[in-house]
PDB file of all heavy atoms in Angstrom:
ATOM      1  N   GLY A   1    -106.904  73.383 123.788  1.00  0.00           N
ATOM      2  CA  GLY A   1    -107.631  72.247 123.228  1.00  0.00           C
ATOM      3  C   GLY A   1    -108.650  71.659 124.194  1.00  0.00           C
ATOM      4  O   GLY A   1    -108.467  71.690 125.410  1.00  0.00           O
ATOM      5  N   ASP A   2    -109.731  71.159 123.661  1.00  0.00           N
ATOM      6  CA  ASP A   2    -110.774  70.528 124.452  1.00  0.00           C
ATOM      7  C   ASP A   2    -110.529  69.022 124.416  1.00  0.00           C
ATOM      8  O   ASP A   2    -110.919  68.343 123.474  1.00  0.00           O
ATOM      9  CB  ASP A   2    -112.140  70.891 123.871  1.00  0.00           C
ATOM     10  CG  ASP A   2    -113.262  70.563 124.810  1.00  0.00           C
ATOM     11  OD1 ASP A   2    -112.993  70.345 126.005  1.00  0.00           O
ATOM     12  OD2 ASP A   2    -114.417  70.522 124.356  1.00  0.00           O
ATOM     13  N   LEU A   3    -109.861  68.511 125.436  1.00  0.00           N
ATOM     14  CA  LEU A   3    -109.445  67.111 125.471  1.00  0.00           C
ATOM     15  C   LEU A   3    -110.257  66.331 126.494  1.00  0.00           C
ATOM     16  O   LEU A   3    -110.791  66.906 127.442  1.00  0.00           O
ATOM     17  CB  LEU A   3    -107.958  67.027 125.828  1.00  0.00           C
ATOM     18  CG  LEU A   3    -106.987  67.728 124.887  1.00  0.00           C
ATOM     19  CD1 LEU A   3    -105.588  67.709 125.474  1.00  0.00           C
ATOM     20  CD2 LEU A   3    -107.000  67.061 123.528  1.00  0.00           C
ATOM     21  N   PRO A   4    -110.322  65.027 126.335  1.00  0.00           N
ATOM     22  CA  PRO A   4    -110.981  64.201 127.357  1.00  0.00           C
ATOM     23  C   PRO A   4    -110.307  64.374 128.720  1.00  0.00           C
ATOM     24  O   PRO A   4    -109.109  64.670 128.804  1.00  0.00           O
ATOM     25  CB  PRO A   4    -110.776  62.769 126.839  1.00  0.00           C
ATOM     26  CG  PRO A   4    -110.551  62.922 125.363  1.00  0.00           C
ATOM     27  CD  PRO A   4    -109.859  64.248 125.193  1.00  0.00           C
ATOM     28  N   ALA A   5    -111.066  64.179 129.773  1.00  0.00           N
ATOM     29  CA  ALA A   5    -110.565  64.408 131.135  1.00  0.00           C
ATOM     30  C   ALA A   5    -109.372  63.523 131.480  1.00  0.00           C
ATOM     31  O   ALA A   5    -108.539  63.895 132.302  1.00  0.00           O
ATOM     32  CB  ALA A   5    -111.689  64.194 132.140  1.00  0.00           C
ATOM     33  N   SER A   6    -109.260  62.374 130.868  1.00  0.00           N
ATOM     34  CA  SER A   6    -108.163  61.457 131.192  1.00  0.00           C
ATOM     35  C   SER A   6    -106.857  61.827 130.483  1.00  0.00           C
ATOM     36  O   SER A   6    -105.836  61.184 130.696  1.00  0.00           O
ATOM     37  CB  SER A   6    -108.554  60.023 130.835  1.00  0.00           C
ATOM     38  OG  SER A   6    -108.777  59.913 129.438  1.00  0.00           O
ATOM     39  N   TRP A   7    -106.865  62.848 129.659  1.00  0.00           N
ATOM     40  CA  TRP A   7    -105.665  63.278 128.936  1.00  0.00           C
ATOM     41  C   TRP A   7    -105.080  64.512 129.603  1.00  0.00           C
ATOM     42  O   TRP A   7    -105.792  65.354 130.137  1.00  0.00           O
ATOM     43  CB  TRP A   7    -105.994  63.632 127.495  1.00  0.00           C
ATOM     44  CG  TRP A   7    -106.402  62.487 126.635  1.00  0.00           C
ATOM     45  CD1 TRP A   7    -106.818  61.253 127.045  1.00  0.00           C
ATOM     46  CD2 TRP A   7    -106.469  62.476 125.220  1.00  0.00           C
ATOM     47  NE1 TRP A   7    -107.138  60.482 125.970  1.00  0.00           N
ATOM     48  CE2 TRP A   7    -106.935  61.204 124.830  1.00  0.00           C
ATOM     49  CE3 TRP A   7    -106.189  63.412 124.245  1.00  0.00           C
ATOM     50  CZ2 TRP A   7    -107.109  60.857 123.504  1.00  0.00           C
ATOM     51  CZ3 TRP A   7    -106.368  63.070 122.918  1.00  0.00           C
ATOM     52  CH2 TRP A   7    -106.811  61.801 122.556  1.00  0.00           C
ATOM     53  N   SER A   8    -103.775  64.627 129.565  1.00  0.00           N
ATOM     54  CA  SER A   8    -103.119  65.850 130.018  1.00  0.00           C
ATOM     55  C   SER A   8    -102.077  66.257 128.974  1.00  0.00           C
ATOM     56  O   SER A   8    -101.612  65.437 128.195  1.00  0.00           O
ATOM     57  CB  SER A   8    -102.475  65.666 131.395  1.00  0.00           C
ATOM     58  OG  SER A   8    -101.525  64.640 131.373  1.00  0.00           O
ATOM     59  N   VAL A   9    -101.765  67.539 128.977  1.00  0.00           N
ATOM     60  CA  VAL A   9    -100.866  68.107 127.975  1.00  0.00           C
ATOM     61  C   VAL A   9     -99.730  68.820 128.686  1.00  0.00           C
ATOM     62  O   VAL A   9     -99.938  69.495 129.697  1.00  0.00           O
ATOM     63  CB  VAL A   9    -101.624  69.102 127.067  1.00  0.00           C
ATOM     64  CG1 VAL A   9    -100.687  69.791 126.094  1.00  0.00           C
ATOM     65  CG2 VAL A   9    -102.744  68.404 126.318  1.00  0.00           C
ATOM     66  N   GLU A  10     -98.527  68.665 128.142  1.00  0.00           N
ATOM     67  CA  GLU A  10     -97.381  69.425 128.626  1.00  0.00           C
ATOM     68  C   GLU A  10     -96.642  69.990 127.422  1.00  0.00           C
ATOM     69  O   GLU A  10     -96.729  69.447 126.324  1.00  0.00           O
ATOM     70  CB  GLU A  10     -96.437  68.559 129.470  1.00  0.00           C
ATOM     71  CG  GLU A  10     -95.628  67.569 128.673  1.00  0.00           C
ATOM     72  CD  GLU A  10     -94.572  66.839 129.486  1.00  0.00           C
ATOM     73  OE1 GLU A  10     -94.325  67.181 130.654  1.00  0.00           O
ATOM     74  OE2 GLU A  10     -93.982  65.900 128.925  1.00  0.00           O
ATOM     75  N   ALA A  11     -95.961  71.083 127.653  1.00  0.00           N
ATOM     76  CA  ALA A  11     -95.133  71.690 126.607  1.00  0.00           C
ATOM     77  C   ALA A  11     -93.716  71.839 127.159  1.00  0.00           C
ATOM     78  O   ALA A  11     -93.523  72.340 128.268  1.00  0.00           O
ATOM     79  CB  ALA A  11     -95.682  73.039 126.183  1.00  0.00           C
ATOM     80  N   ILE A  12     -92.766  71.399 126.378  1.00  0.00           N
ATOM     81  CA  ILE A  12     -91.358  71.548 126.718  1.00  0.00           C
ATOM     82  C   ILE A  12     -90.754  72.483 125.681  1.00  0.00           C
ATOM     83  O   ILE A  12     -90.710  72.155 124.495  1.00  0.00           O
ATOM     84  CB  ILE A  12     -90.639  70.185 126.713  1.00  0.00           C
ATOM     85  CG1 ILE A  12     -91.312  69.240 127.710  1.00  0.00           C
ATOM     86  CG2 ILE A  12     -89.160  70.361 127.008  1.00  0.00           C
ATOM     87  CD1 ILE A  12     -90.926  67.798 127.561  1.00  0.00           C
ATOM     88  N   VAL A  13     -90.386  73.656 126.126  1.00  0.00           N
ATOM     89  CA  VAL A  13     -89.816  74.662 125.236  1.00  0.00           C
ATOM     90  C   VAL A  13     -88.296  74.572 125.358  1.00  0.00           C
ATOM     91  O   VAL A  13     -87.741  74.705 126.445  1.00  0.00           O
ATOM     92  CB  VAL A  13     -90.304  76.081 125.614  1.00  0.00           C
ATOM     93  CG1 VAL A  13     -89.686  77.119 124.702  1.00  0.00           C
ATOM     94  CG2 VAL A  13     -91.831  76.143 125.564  1.00  0.00           C
ATOM     95  N   VAL A  14     -87.641  74.306 124.248  1.00  0.00           N
ATOM     96  CA  VAL A  14     -86.184  74.177 124.241  1.00  0.00           C
ATOM     97  C   VAL A  14     -85.596  75.474 123.700  1.00  0.00           C
ATOM     98  O   VAL A  14     -85.745  75.800 122.527  1.00  0.00           O
ATOM     99  CB  VAL A  14     -85.728  72.971 123.387  1.00  0.00           C
ATOM    100  CG1 VAL A  14     -84.210  72.863 123.399  1.00  0.00           C
ATOM    101  CG2 VAL A  14     -86.378  71.689 123.879  1.00  0.00           C
ATOM    102  N   ASP A  15     -84.968  76.225 124.592  1.00  0.00           N
ATOM    103  CA  ASP A  15     -84.310  77.477 124.221  1.00  0.00           C
ATOM    104  C   ASP A  15     -82.963  77.124 123.608  1.00  0.00           C
ATOM    105  O   ASP A  15     -82.068  76.624 124.284  1.00  0.00           O
ATOM    106  CB  ASP A  15     -84.138  78.356 125.448  1.00  0.00           C
ATOM    107  CG  ASP A  15     -83.380  79.624 125.159  1.00  0.00           C
ATOM    108  OD1 ASP A  15     -83.077  79.892 123.978  1.00  0.00           O
ATOM    109  OD2 ASP A  15     -83.063  80.347 126.108  1.00  0.00           O
ATOM    110  N   ASP A  16     -82.830  77.373 122.341  1.00  0.00           N
ATOM    111  CA  ASP A  16     -81.638  76.968 121.598  1.00  0.00           C
ATOM    112  C   ASP A  16     -80.651  78.121 121.462  1.00  0.00           C
ATOM    113  O   ASP A  16     -80.253  78.506 120.375  1.00  0.00           O
ATOM    114  CB  ASP A  16     -82.070  76.450 120.231  1.00  0.00           C
ATOM    115  CG  ASP A  16     -80.993  75.613 119.558  1.00  0.00           C
ATOM    116  OD1 ASP A  16     -80.052  75.198 120.245  1.00  0.00           O
ATOM    117  OD2 ASP A  16     -81.091  75.391 118.342  1.00  0.00           O
ATOM    118  N   GLY A  17     -80.275  78.701 122.612  1.00  0.00           N
ATOM    119  CA  GLY A  17     -79.286  79.780 122.609  1.00  0.00           C
ATOM    120  C   GLY A  17     -79.851  81.131 122.226  1.00  0.00           C
ATOM    121  O   GLY A  17     -79.149  81.958 121.640  1.00  0.00           O
ATOM    122  N   SER A  18     -81.101  81.387 122.581  1.00  0.00           N
ATOM    123  CA  SER A  18     -81.756  82.642 122.222  1.00  0.00           C
ATOM    124  C   SER A  18     -81.094  83.855 122.853  1.00  0.00           C
ATOM    125  O   SER A  18     -80.541  83.776 123.948  1.00  0.00           O
ATOM    126  CB  SER A  18     -83.224  82.622 122.676  1.00  0.00           C
ATOM    127  OG  SER A  18     -83.939  81.638 122.001  1.00  0.00           O
ATOM    128  N   LEU A  19     -81.215  84.971 122.177  1.00  0.00           N
ATOM    129  CA  LEU A  19     -80.766  86.248 122.733  1.00  0.00           C
ATOM    130  C   LEU A  19     -81.846  86.878 123.599  1.00  0.00           C
ATOM    131  O   LEU A  19     -81.583  87.810 124.347  1.00  0.00           O
ATOM    132  CB  LEU A  19     -80.367  87.193 121.601  1.00  0.00           C
ATOM    133  CG  LEU A  19     -79.240  86.685 120.691  1.00  0.00           C
ATOM    134  CD1 LEU A  19     -79.013  87.649 119.541  1.00  0.00           C
ATOM    135  CD2 LEU A  19     -77.967  86.454 121.486  1.00  0.00           C
ATOM    136  N   ASP A  20     -83.090  86.375 123.474  1.00  0.00           N
ATOM    137  CA  ASP A  20     -84.221  86.902 124.242  1.00  0.00           C
ATOM    138  C   ASP A  20     -84.639  85.936 125.354  1.00  0.00           C
ATOM    139  O   ASP A  20     -85.805  85.792 125.676  1.00  0.00           O
ATOM    140  CB  ASP A  20     -85.399  87.212 123.324  1.00  0.00           C
ATOM    141  CG  ASP A  20     -85.949  85.981 122.624  1.00  0.00           C
ATOM    142  OD1 ASP A  20     -85.349  84.888 122.729  1.00  0.00           O
ATOM    143  OD2 ASP A  20     -87.004  86.107 121.967  1.00  0.00           O
ATOM    144  N   ARG A  21     -83.673  85.293 125.958  1.00  0.00           N
ATOM    145  CA  ARG A  21     -83.920  84.254 126.965  1.00  0.00           C
ATOM    146  C   ARG A  21     -84.787  84.745 128.120  1.00  0.00           C
ATOM    147  O   ARG A  21     -85.699  84.063 128.557  1.00  0.00           O
ATOM    148  CB  ARG A  21     -82.585  83.738 127.485  1.00  0.00           C
ATOM    149  CG  ARG A  21     -82.735  82.640 128.524  1.00  0.00           C
ATOM    150  CD  ARG A  21     -81.418  81.998 128.811  1.00  0.00           C
ATOM    151  NE  ARG A  21     -81.037  81.271 127.599  1.00  0.00           N
ATOM    152  CZ  ARG A  21     -79.868  80.710 127.412  1.00  0.00           C
ATOM    153  NH1 ARG A  21     -78.954  80.791 128.341  1.00  0.00           N
ATOM    154  NH2 ARG A  21     -79.594  80.077 126.303  1.00  0.00           N
ATOM    155  N   LYS A  22     -84.524  85.940 128.648  1.00  0.00           N
ATOM    156  CA  LYS A  22     -85.308  86.466 129.766  1.00  0.00           C
ATOM    157  C   LYS A  22     -86.768  86.657 129.375  1.00  0.00           C
ATOM    158  O   LYS A  22     -87.669  86.310 130.124  1.00  0.00           O
ATOM    159  CB  LYS A  22     -84.732  87.787 130.261  1.00  0.00           C
ATOM    160  CG  LYS A  22     -83.554  87.671 131.164  1.00  0.00           C
ATOM    161  CD  LYS A  22     -83.117  89.053 131.625  1.00  0.00           C
ATOM    162  CE  LYS A  22     -82.686  89.003 133.051  1.00  0.00           C
ATOM    163  NZ  LYS A  22     -82.259  90.321 133.532  1.00  0.00           N
ATOM    164  N   ALA A  23     -87.004  87.209 128.210  1.00  0.00           N
ATOM    165  CA  ALA A  23     -88.375  87.424 127.750  1.00  0.00           C
ATOM    166  C   ALA A  23     -89.080  86.095 127.494  1.00  0.00           C
ATOM    167  O   ALA A  23     -90.268  85.938 127.799  1.00  0.00           O
ATOM    168  CB  ALA A  23     -88.380  88.278 126.482  1.00  0.00           C
ATOM    169  N   LEU A  24     -88.370  85.135 126.961  1.00  0.00           N
ATOM    170  CA  LEU A  24     -88.932  83.809 126.715  1.00  0.00           C
ATOM    171  C   LEU A  24     -89.332  83.151 128.036  1.00  0.00           C
ATOM    172  O   LEU A  24     -90.444  82.627 128.170  1.00  0.00           O
ATOM    173  CB  LEU A  24     -87.919  82.945 125.964  1.00  0.00           C
ATOM    174  CG  LEU A  24     -88.376  81.577 125.509  1.00  0.00           C
ATOM    175  CD1 LEU A  24     -89.505  81.685 124.507  1.00  0.00           C
ATOM    176  CD2 LEU A  24     -87.204  80.818 124.894  1.00  0.00           C
ATOM    177  N   ASN A  25     -88.459  83.208 129.016  1.00  0.00           N
ATOM    178  CA  ASN A  25     -88.773  82.666 130.340  1.00  0.00           C
ATOM    179  C   ASN A  25     -89.983  83.348 130.958  1.00  0.00           C
ATOM    180  O   ASN A  25     -90.807  82.694 131.598  1.00  0.00           O
ATOM    181  CB  ASN A  25     -87.579  82.801 131.287  1.00  0.00           C
ATOM    182  CG  ASN A  25     -86.508  81.779 131.028  1.00  0.00           C
ATOM    183  OD1 ASN A  25     -86.787  80.657 130.654  1.00  0.00           O
ATOM    184  ND2 ASN A  25     -85.257  82.170 131.229  1.00  0.00           N
ATOM    185  N   ALA A  26     -90.085  84.658 130.791  1.00  0.00           N
ATOM    186  CA  ALA A  26     -91.194  85.423 131.356  1.00  0.00           C
ATOM    187  C   ALA A  26     -92.542  84.974 130.785  1.00  0.00           C
ATOM    188  O   ALA A  26     -93.555  85.028 131.472  1.00  0.00           O
ATOM    189  CB  ALA A  26     -90.986  86.914 131.115  1.00  0.00           C
ATOM    190  N   VAL A  27     -92.552  84.527 129.558  1.00  0.00           N
ATOM    191  CA  VAL A  27     -93.801  84.041 128.949  1.00  0.00           C
ATOM    192  C   VAL A  27     -94.094  82.615 129.409  1.00  0.00           C
ATOM    193  O   VAL A  27     -95.198  82.306 129.854  1.00  0.00           O
ATOM    194  CB  VAL A  27     -93.726  84.103 127.408  1.00  0.00           C
ATOM    195  CG1 VAL A  27     -94.953  83.460 126.786  1.00  0.00           C
ATOM    196  CG2 VAL A  27     -93.569  85.530 126.928  1.00  0.00           C
ATOM    197  N   VAL A  28     -93.113  81.748 129.321  1.00  0.00           N
ATOM    198  CA  VAL A  28     -93.322  80.326 129.612  1.00  0.00           C
ATOM    199  C   VAL A  28     -93.729  80.099 131.062  1.00  0.00           C
ATOM    200  O   VAL A  28     -94.549  79.218 131.351  1.00  0.00           O
ATOM    201  CB  VAL A  28     -92.055  79.513 129.253  1.00  0.00           C
ATOM    202  CG1 VAL A  28     -92.187  78.066 129.689  1.00  0.00           C
ATOM    203  CG2 VAL A  28     -91.781  79.589 127.759  1.00  0.00           C
ATOM    204  N   ILE A  29     -93.209  80.898 131.975  1.00  0.00           N
ATOM    205  CA  ILE A  29     -93.504  80.714 133.395  1.00  0.00           C
ATOM    206  C   ILE A  29     -95.000  80.873 133.715  1.00  0.00           C
ATOM    207  O   ILE A  29     -95.477  80.400 134.746  1.00  0.00           O
ATOM    208  CB  ILE A  29     -92.637  81.669 134.255  1.00  0.00           C
ATOM    209  CG1 ILE A  29     -92.556  81.164 135.680  1.00  0.00           C
ATOM    210  CG2 ILE A  29     -93.152  83.080 134.198  1.00  0.00           C
ATOM    211  CD1 ILE A  29     -91.482  81.821 136.497  1.00  0.00           C
ATOM    212  N   ASN A  30     -95.749  81.499 132.835  1.00  0.00           N
ATOM    213  CA  ASN A  30     -97.187  81.705 133.058  1.00  0.00           C
ATOM    214  C   ASN A  30     -98.033  80.468 132.772  1.00  0.00           C
ATOM    215  O   ASN A  30     -99.242  80.492 133.001  1.00  0.00           O
ATOM    216  CB  ASN A  30     -97.685  82.867 132.200  1.00  0.00           C
ATOM    217  CG  ASN A  30     -97.107  84.176 132.656  1.00  0.00           C
ATOM    218  OD1 ASN A  30     -97.243  84.553 133.806  1.00  0.00           O
ATOM    219  ND2 ASN A  30     -96.437  84.861 131.756  1.00  0.00           N
ATOM    220  N   TYR A  31     -97.431  79.407 132.297  1.00  0.00           N
ATOM    221  CA  TYR A  31     -98.156  78.182 131.959  1.00  0.00           C
ATOM    222  C   TYR A  31     -97.698  77.073 132.901  1.00  0.00           C
ATOM    223  O   TYR A  31     -96.535  76.678 132.889  1.00  0.00           O
ATOM    224  CB  TYR A  31     -97.885  77.787 130.498  1.00  0.00           C
ATOM    225  CG  TYR A  31     -98.387  78.812 129.521  1.00  0.00           C
ATOM    226  CD1 TYR A  31     -97.604  79.920 129.186  1.00  0.00           C
ATOM    227  CD2 TYR A  31     -99.639  78.689 128.942  1.00  0.00           C
ATOM    228  CE1 TYR A  31     -98.071  80.876 128.306  1.00  0.00           C
ATOM    229  CE2 TYR A  31    -100.102  79.638 128.055  1.00  0.00           C
ATOM    230  CZ  TYR A  31     -99.318  80.731 127.755  1.00  0.00           C
ATOM    231  OH  TYR A  31     -99.793  81.673 126.873  1.00  0.00           O
ATOM    232  N   SER A  32     -98.627  76.562 133.696  1.00  0.00           N
ATOM    233  CA  SER A  32     -98.254  75.581 134.719  1.00  0.00           C
ATOM    234  C   SER A  32     -97.757  74.265 134.132  1.00  0.00           C
ATOM    235  O   SER A  32     -96.973  73.572 134.779  1.00  0.00           O
ATOM    236  CB  SER A  32     -99.438  75.322 135.658  1.00  0.00           C
ATOM    237  OG  SER A  32    -100.536  74.794 134.937  1.00  0.00           O
ATOM    238  N   ASN A  33     -98.181  73.915 132.953  1.00  0.00           N
ATOM    239  CA  ASN A  33     -97.763  72.656 132.346  1.00  0.00           C
ATOM    240  C   ASN A  33     -96.725  72.862 131.245  1.00  0.00           C
ATOM    241  O   ASN A  33     -96.618  72.054 130.329  1.00  0.00           O
ATOM    242  CB  ASN A  33     -98.964  71.893 131.795  1.00  0.00           C
ATOM    243  CG  ASN A  33     -99.838  71.345 132.889  1.00  0.00           C
ATOM    244  OD1 ASN A  33     -99.402  71.210 134.033  1.00  0.00           O
ATOM    245  ND2 ASN A  33    -101.074  71.030 132.573  1.00  0.00           N
ATOM    246  N   ALA A  34     -95.992  73.951 131.352  1.00  0.00           N
ATOM    247  CA  ALA A  34     -94.915  74.228 130.388  1.00  0.00           C
ATOM    248  C   ALA A  34     -93.620  74.417 131.166  1.00  0.00           C
ATOM    249  O   ALA A  34     -93.615  74.938 132.275  1.00  0.00           O
ATOM    250  CB  ALA A  34     -95.225  75.474 129.571  1.00  0.00           C
ATOM    251  N   ARG A  35     -92.558  73.967 130.568  1.00  0.00           N
ATOM    252  CA  ARG A  35     -91.254  74.184 131.187  1.00  0.00           C
ATOM    253  C   ARG A  35     -90.260  74.516 130.079  1.00  0.00           C
ATOM    254  O   ARG A  35     -90.491  74.223 128.908  1.00  0.00           O
ATOM    255  CB  ARG A  35     -90.795  73.003 132.016  1.00  0.00           C
ATOM    256  CG  ARG A  35     -90.663  71.722 131.242  1.00  0.00           C
ATOM    257  CD  ARG A  35     -90.399  70.570 132.200  1.00  0.00           C
ATOM    258  NE  ARG A  35     -90.578  69.314 131.513  1.00  0.00           N
ATOM    259  CZ  ARG A  35     -89.680  68.361 131.476  1.00  0.00           C
ATOM    260  NH1 ARG A  35     -88.539  68.505 132.109  1.00  0.00           N
ATOM    261  NH2 ARG A  35     -89.911  67.251 130.834  1.00  0.00           N
ATOM    262  N   ILE A  36     -89.194  75.119 130.496  1.00  0.00           N
ATOM    263  CA  ILE A  36     -88.195  75.539 129.520  1.00  0.00           C
ATOM    264  C   ILE A  36     -86.866  74.853 129.824  1.00  0.00           C
ATOM    265  O   ILE A  36     -86.473  74.737 130.984  1.00  0.00           O
ATOM    266  CB  ILE A  36     -88.058  77.079 129.493  1.00  0.00           C
ATOM    267  CG1 ILE A  36     -87.240  77.512 128.296  1.00  0.00           C
ATOM    268  CG2 ILE A  36     -87.528  77.619 130.785  1.00  0.00           C
ATOM    269  CD1 ILE A  36     -87.442  78.951 127.911  1.00  0.00           C
ATOM    270  N   LEU A  37     -86.243  74.365 128.798  1.00  0.00           N
ATOM    271  CA  LEU A  37     -84.911  73.769 128.894  1.00  0.00           C
ATOM    272  C   LEU A  37     -83.971  74.599 128.037  1.00  0.00           C
ATOM    273  O   LEU A  37     -84.354  75.023 126.944  1.00  0.00           O
ATOM    274  CB  LEU A  37     -84.922  72.324 128.382  1.00  0.00           C
ATOM    275  CG  LEU A  37     -85.831  71.343 129.119  1.00  0.00           C
ATOM    276  CD1 LEU A  37     -85.809  69.989 128.413  1.00  0.00           C
ATOM    277  CD2 LEU A  37     -85.376  71.185 130.559  1.00  0.00           C
ATOM    278  N   SER A  38     -82.781  74.818 128.521  1.00  0.00           N
ATOM    279  CA  SER A  38     -81.808  75.607 127.761  1.00  0.00           C
ATOM    280  C   SER A  38     -80.797  74.701 127.096  1.00  0.00           C
ATOM    281  O   SER A  38     -80.279  73.765 127.710  1.00  0.00           O
ATOM    282  CB  SER A  38     -81.080  76.593 128.672  1.00  0.00           C
ATOM    283  OG  SER A  38     -81.993  77.548 129.165  1.00  0.00           O
ATOM    284  N   HIS A  39     -80.544  74.994 125.850  1.00  0.00           N
ATOM    285  CA  HIS A  39     -79.559  74.249 125.063  1.00  0.00           C
ATOM    286  C   HIS A  39     -78.611  75.286 124.492  1.00  0.00           C
ATOM    287  O   HIS A  39     -79.030  76.176 123.758  1.00  0.00           O
ATOM    288  CB  HIS A  39     -80.264  73.479 123.943  1.00  0.00           C
ATOM    289  CG  HIS A  39     -79.348  72.652 123.122  1.00  0.00           C
ATOM    290  ND1 HIS A  39     -78.739  73.131 121.993  1.00  0.00           N
ATOM    291  CD2 HIS A  39     -78.955  71.372 123.267  1.00  0.00           C
ATOM    292  CE1 HIS A  39     -77.994  72.181 121.474  1.00  0.00           C
ATOM    293  NE2 HIS A  39     -78.107  71.095 122.221  1.00  0.00           N
TER     294      HIS A  39
END
């Protein structure tokens, strides 16, 4: 997204017991403003 400079964006990905947890982590780690939480 093209946002004003004073705005920042973060993504919190909640892994809800996935069977593909390793693959999910491998994708999310490539985004500096994204983090993953496991549930």
